[in-house]
Amino acid sequence: MILELALALAAGTAAQADTPMIERTDPVELRLSRENGTNVWTAGEWNGTFRVGGRSTRLFGVRSSDIARATLTVNGPGFEDGEVTIACDGGQLDFTIGFITFDHEDLSYVCTFERGGQPMDSGFELALSSSGFFSSLTRAERAGGVRHEGREVRFETQRLSGAALPTGRVPGYVIRSLNGTDIAGMDYRVMRPMFYLPHEGDPDREIALLTALILATFTDPANSGN
């Protein structure tokens, strides 16, 4: 009986892994708007505010680099303990450095998290592939990871819809558990980004939402002006 149960569970897990991620997640569209002079976002049951911008810096006193910046607030299911504030800026890789396999820029996109003014045991890191002559002809590579209250995921660029064209744009991201299973995604699409989140009750639903939100509001230089 125990053997039969184990075999059934293994078969179910294998079947789920063979099902495309989009077909076993909840699609949630991100909407950005402006209300009473404030930039706001909504995605299903979640909402918050956002500010995006950038700054220029010089690395080693030699070359300048444009760094995206953003501040986000998050409210909704899973955040009953208080609003979460996310601040993103240029920084150095920490916990994902061993995961990045491609040549990347010296500065990465790094986010910190707070609740009620107190730092959280959470972090976001995004590495951008080094720019060069061929960057406008081939897809720019992006990858990184997120830690959030005991959960951890990885993500990387991946097309989730549409035809593959040599535009150099970043089309979207797949979000994976540490064992390599695709659990969520973010598709930029043409009009509004679409999140693909684990079903309600899944322990990775909250971290997948945060990951998708940060990626969707990141001002990627590969997508600017395209």
Protein backbone atom coordinates (compact mmCIF):
# COMPACT_ATOMS: atom_id res chain seq x y z
CA MET A 1 0.00 0.00 0.00
CA ILE A 2 2.80 2.42 0.91
CA LEU A 3 4.65 1.56 -2.31
CA GLU A 4 1.53 2.15 -4.39
CA LEU A 5 1.00 5.55 -2.73
CA ALA A 6 4.61 6.54 -3.36
CA LEU A 7 4.34 5.54 -7.03
CA ALA A 8 1.10 7.51 -7.41
CA LEU A 9 2.66 10.62 -5.90
CA ALA A 10 5.70 10.30 -8.15
CA ALA A 11 3.48 9.91 -11.22
CA GLY A 12 1.49 12.99 -10.25
CA THR A 13 4.63 15.06 -9.78
CA ALA A 14 6.00 13.92 -13.15
CA ALA A 15 2.72 14.75 -14.88
CA GLN A 16 2.71 18.24 -13.38
CA ALA A 17 6.30 18.85 -14.48
CA ASP A 18 5.35 17.86 -18.06
CA THR A 19 2.47 20.37 -18.11
CA PRO A 20 3.54 23.81 -19.42
CA MET A 21 3.88 26.36 -16.64
CA ILE A 22 1.28 28.68 -18.18
CA GLU A 23 -1.34 25.92 -18.06
CA ARG A 24 -0.89 25.23 -14.33
CA THR A 25 -0.73 28.81 -13.02
CA ASP A 26 -3.16 31.71 -12.58
CA PRO A 27 -2.87 34.51 -15.17
CA VAL A 28 -3.00 37.95 -13.50
CA GLU A 29 -2.75 41.13 -15.57
CA LEU A 30 -0.76 44.10 -14.26
CA ARG A 31 -2.40 47.50 -14.70
CA LEU A 32 -0.54 50.78 -14.19
CA SER A 33 -2.35 54.09 -13.77
CA ARG A 34 -2.16 57.48 -12.08
CA GLU A 35 -4.58 58.56 -9.36
CA ASN A 36 -4.50 61.92 -7.59
CA GLY A 37 -0.93 62.52 -8.69
CA THR A 38 0.32 59.08 -7.56
CA ASN A 39 1.41 56.19 -9.74
CA VAL A 40 -0.56 53.09 -8.72
CA TRP A 41 -0.58 49.48 -9.82
CA THR A 42 -3.13 46.70 -9.51
CA ALA A 43 -2.79 43.01 -10.24
CA GLY A 44 -5.81 40.94 -9.34
CA GLU A 45 -6.33 41.24 -5.57
CA TRP A 46 -3.05 43.09 -5.00
CA ASN A 47 -2.27 46.78 -5.33
CA GLY A 48 0.23 49.45 -4.39
CA THR A 49 2.16 52.46 -5.59
CA PHE A 50 5.30 52.77 -7.69
CA ARG A 51 7.96 55.29 -8.62
CA VAL A 52 10.52 54.57 -11.31
CA GLY A 53 13.50 56.59 -12.49
CA GLY A 54 17.22 56.37 -12.98
CA ARG A 55 20.56 57.88 -12.24
CA SER A 56 23.97 58.00 -13.87
CA THR A 57 27.13 56.83 -12.17
CA ARG A 58 30.77 56.30 -13.06
CA LEU A 59 32.49 52.99 -12.53
CA PHE A 60 36.13 53.18 -11.46
CA GLY A 61 36.16 56.81 -12.59
CA VAL A 62 36.25 55.73 -16.23
CA ARG A 63 32.85 55.06 -17.77
CA SER A 64 29.32 56.17 -16.96
CA SER A 65 26.37 53.82 -16.56
CA ASP A 66 22.63 54.46 -16.38
CA ILE A 67 21.11 52.71 -13.37
CA ALA A 68 17.39 52.11 -13.03
CA ARG A 69 15.75 52.91 -9.71
CA ALA A 70 12.30 52.08 -8.36
CA THR A 71 10.25 52.18 -5.18
CA LEU A 72 7.18 49.96 -4.84
CA THR A 73 4.59 49.33 -2.14
CA VAL A 74 2.57 46.11 -1.96
CA ASN A 75 -0.78 45.40 -0.29
CA GLY A 76 -3.27 42.56 -0.52
CA PRO A 77 -3.58 38.84 0.29
CA GLY A 78 -0.46 37.59 2.09
CA PHE A 79 0.47 41.07 3.32
CA GLU A 80 -1.96 41.36 6.22
CA ASP A 81 0.95 42.09 8.59
CA GLY A 82 1.48 45.42 6.90
CA GLU A 83 2.38 47.12 3.66
CA VAL A 84 5.69 46.01 2.14
CA THR A 85 8.00 48.62 0.61
CA ILE A 86 10.56 47.59 -1.99
CA ALA A 87 13.48 49.88 -2.91
CA CYS A 88 15.58 49.00 -5.98
CA ASP A 89 18.83 50.50 -7.22
CA GLY A 90 22.22 49.56 -8.63
CA GLY A 91 24.30 47.25 -6.44
CA GLN A 92 26.49 44.18 -6.24
CA LEU A 93 25.37 40.55 -6.45
CA ASP A 94 25.40 38.63 -3.18
CA PHE A 95 23.41 35.40 -2.86
CA THR A 96 22.99 34.77 -6.64
CA ILE A 97 26.60 35.29 -7.71
CA GLY A 98 27.24 31.55 -8.15
CA PHE A 99 24.08 31.12 -10.20
CA ILE A 100 24.92 33.66 -12.94
CA THR A 101 26.77 31.91 -15.78
CA PHE A 102 27.07 34.70 -18.39
CA ASP A 103 29.34 37.76 -18.45
CA HIS A 104 27.41 40.52 -16.70
CA GLU A 105 27.66 44.23 -16.01
CA ASP A 106 29.58 45.36 -12.93
CA LEU A 107 26.44 46.88 -11.42
CA SER A 108 23.30 44.79 -11.02
CA TYR A 109 19.69 45.67 -10.10
CA VAL A 110 19.27 45.00 -6.38
CA CYS A 111 16.19 45.46 -4.16
CA THR A 112 15.68 45.58 -0.41
CA PHE A 113 12.39 45.04 1.45
CA GLU A 114 10.84 46.76 4.48
CA ARG A 115 7.64 46.40 6.48
CA GLY A 116 6.65 49.15 8.90
CA GLY A 117 10.06 50.77 8.43
CA GLN A 118 11.86 47.59 9.52
CA PRO A 119 14.16 45.61 7.17
CA MET A 120 12.84 42.20 6.11
CA ASP A 121 14.78 38.99 5.52
CA SER A 122 14.18 39.41 1.80
CA GLY A 123 16.21 40.43 -1.22
CA PHE A 124 16.12 40.64 -5.02
CA GLU A 125 19.08 40.51 -7.42
CA LEU A 126 19.04 40.86 -11.21
CA ALA A 127 22.19 40.55 -13.33
CA LEU A 128 22.33 42.11 -16.82
CA SER A 129 24.49 40.61 -19.54
CA SER A 130 27.41 42.75 -20.67
CA SER A 131 26.49 45.14 -23.48
CA GLY A 132 28.32 44.93 -26.78
CA PHE A 133 28.01 45.12 -30.55
CA PHE A 134 25.80 42.03 -30.82
CA SER A 135 23.48 43.01 -27.97
CA SER A 136 21.12 44.74 -30.41
CA LEU A 137 20.96 41.67 -32.62
CA THR A 138 20.41 38.94 -30.06
CA ARG A 139 18.28 38.72 -26.94
CA ALA A 140 19.81 40.32 -23.88
CA GLU A 141 20.37 37.85 -21.05
CA ARG A 142 18.99 38.49 -17.59
CA ALA A 143 18.96 36.22 -14.54
CA GLY A 144 18.81 36.45 -10.78
CA GLY A 145 17.05 35.36 -7.65
CA VAL A 146 14.77 36.37 -4.81
CA ARG A 147 14.76 35.49 -1.10
CA HIS A 148 11.61 36.21 0.85
CA GLU A 149 10.71 35.06 4.36
CA GLY A 150 12.23 31.60 4.06
CA ARG A 151 11.38 31.01 0.38
CA GLU A 152 13.81 31.36 -2.53
CA VAL A 153 13.40 31.30 -6.30
CA ARG A 154 15.51 31.88 -9.39
CA PHE A 155 14.49 33.54 -12.66
CA GLU A 156 15.85 34.11 -16.15
CA THR A 157 14.76 35.55 -19.49
CA GLN A 158 12.38 33.40 -21.51
CA ARG A 159 9.77 34.06 -24.18
CA LEU A 160 6.31 33.09 -22.96
CA SER A 161 4.28 34.26 -25.98
CA GLY A 162 4.63 35.67 -29.48
CA ALA A 163 7.14 35.01 -32.21
CA ALA A 164 10.88 35.06 -31.60
CA LEU A 165 12.35 38.03 -33.47
CA PRO A 166 15.98 39.32 -33.35
CA THR A 167 15.06 42.65 -31.71
CA GLY A 168 17.35 42.45 -28.69
CA ARG A 169 14.36 43.01 -26.39
CA VAL A 170 13.74 41.05 -23.21
CA PRO A 171 10.36 39.33 -23.82
CA GLY A 172 9.67 37.99 -20.35
CA TYR A 173 10.86 35.74 -17.55
CA VAL A 174 10.36 32.27 -16.17
CA ILE A 175 10.52 31.87 -12.39
CA ARG A 176 11.84 28.58 -11.02
CA SER A 177 12.13 26.81 -7.69
CA LEU A 178 15.62 25.87 -6.54
CA ASN A 179 15.12 22.35 -7.94
CA GLY A 180 14.64 23.82 -11.42
CA THR A 181 10.85 23.47 -11.74
CA ASP A 182 9.07 26.28 -13.59
CA ILE A 183 6.56 27.65 -11.07
CA ALA A 184 5.65 31.12 -12.39
CA GLY A 185 6.40 33.70 -15.06
CA MET A 186 6.12 37.29 -16.25
CA ASP A 187 5.30 38.18 -19.86
CA TYR A 188 5.81 41.81 -20.95
CA ARG A 189 3.41 41.37 -23.89
CA VAL A 190 2.51 44.36 -26.12
CA MET A 191 0.08 46.31 -23.94
CA ARG A 192 0.09 45.14 -20.31
CA PRO A 193 2.38 42.65 -18.54
CA MET A 194 0.87 39.34 -17.50
CA PHE A 195 1.86 37.47 -14.35
CA TYR A 196 1.54 33.68 -14.15
CA LEU A 197 1.31 32.83 -10.46
CA PRO A 198 1.01 29.55 -8.51
CA HIS A 199 -2.53 28.76 -7.42
CA GLU A 200 -3.97 30.17 -4.19
CA GLY A 201 -2.59 28.25 -1.19
CA ASP A 202 0.76 27.51 -2.85
CA PRO A 203 3.63 28.63 -0.55
CA ASP A 204 5.45 30.21 -3.51
CA ARG A 205 2.52 32.40 -4.61
CA GLU A 206 3.69 35.46 -2.63
CA ILE A 207 7.34 35.34 -3.67
CA ALA A 208 6.29 34.75 -7.29
CA LEU A 209 4.07 37.86 -7.17
CA LEU A 210 6.89 40.02 -5.78
CA THR A 211 9.36 38.70 -8.35
CA ALA A 212 7.00 39.30 -11.27
CA LEU A 213 6.10 42.80 -10.03
CA ILE A 214 9.72 43.92 -9.69
CA LEU A 215 10.61 42.53 -13.12
CA ALA A 216 7.57 44.13 -14.78
CA THR A 217 8.40 47.59 -13.40
CA PHE A 218 12.15 47.35 -14.04
CA THR A 219 13.21 49.90 -16.66
CA ASP A 220 15.30 47.56 -18.78
CA PRO A 221 17.72 49.35 -21.13
CA ALA A 222 17.22 46.57 -23.69
CA ASN A 223 13.52 47.47 -23.95
CA SER A 224 13.83 51.24 -23.81
CA GLY A 225 12.84 52.87 -27.08
CA ASN A 226 11.87 49.55 -28.70
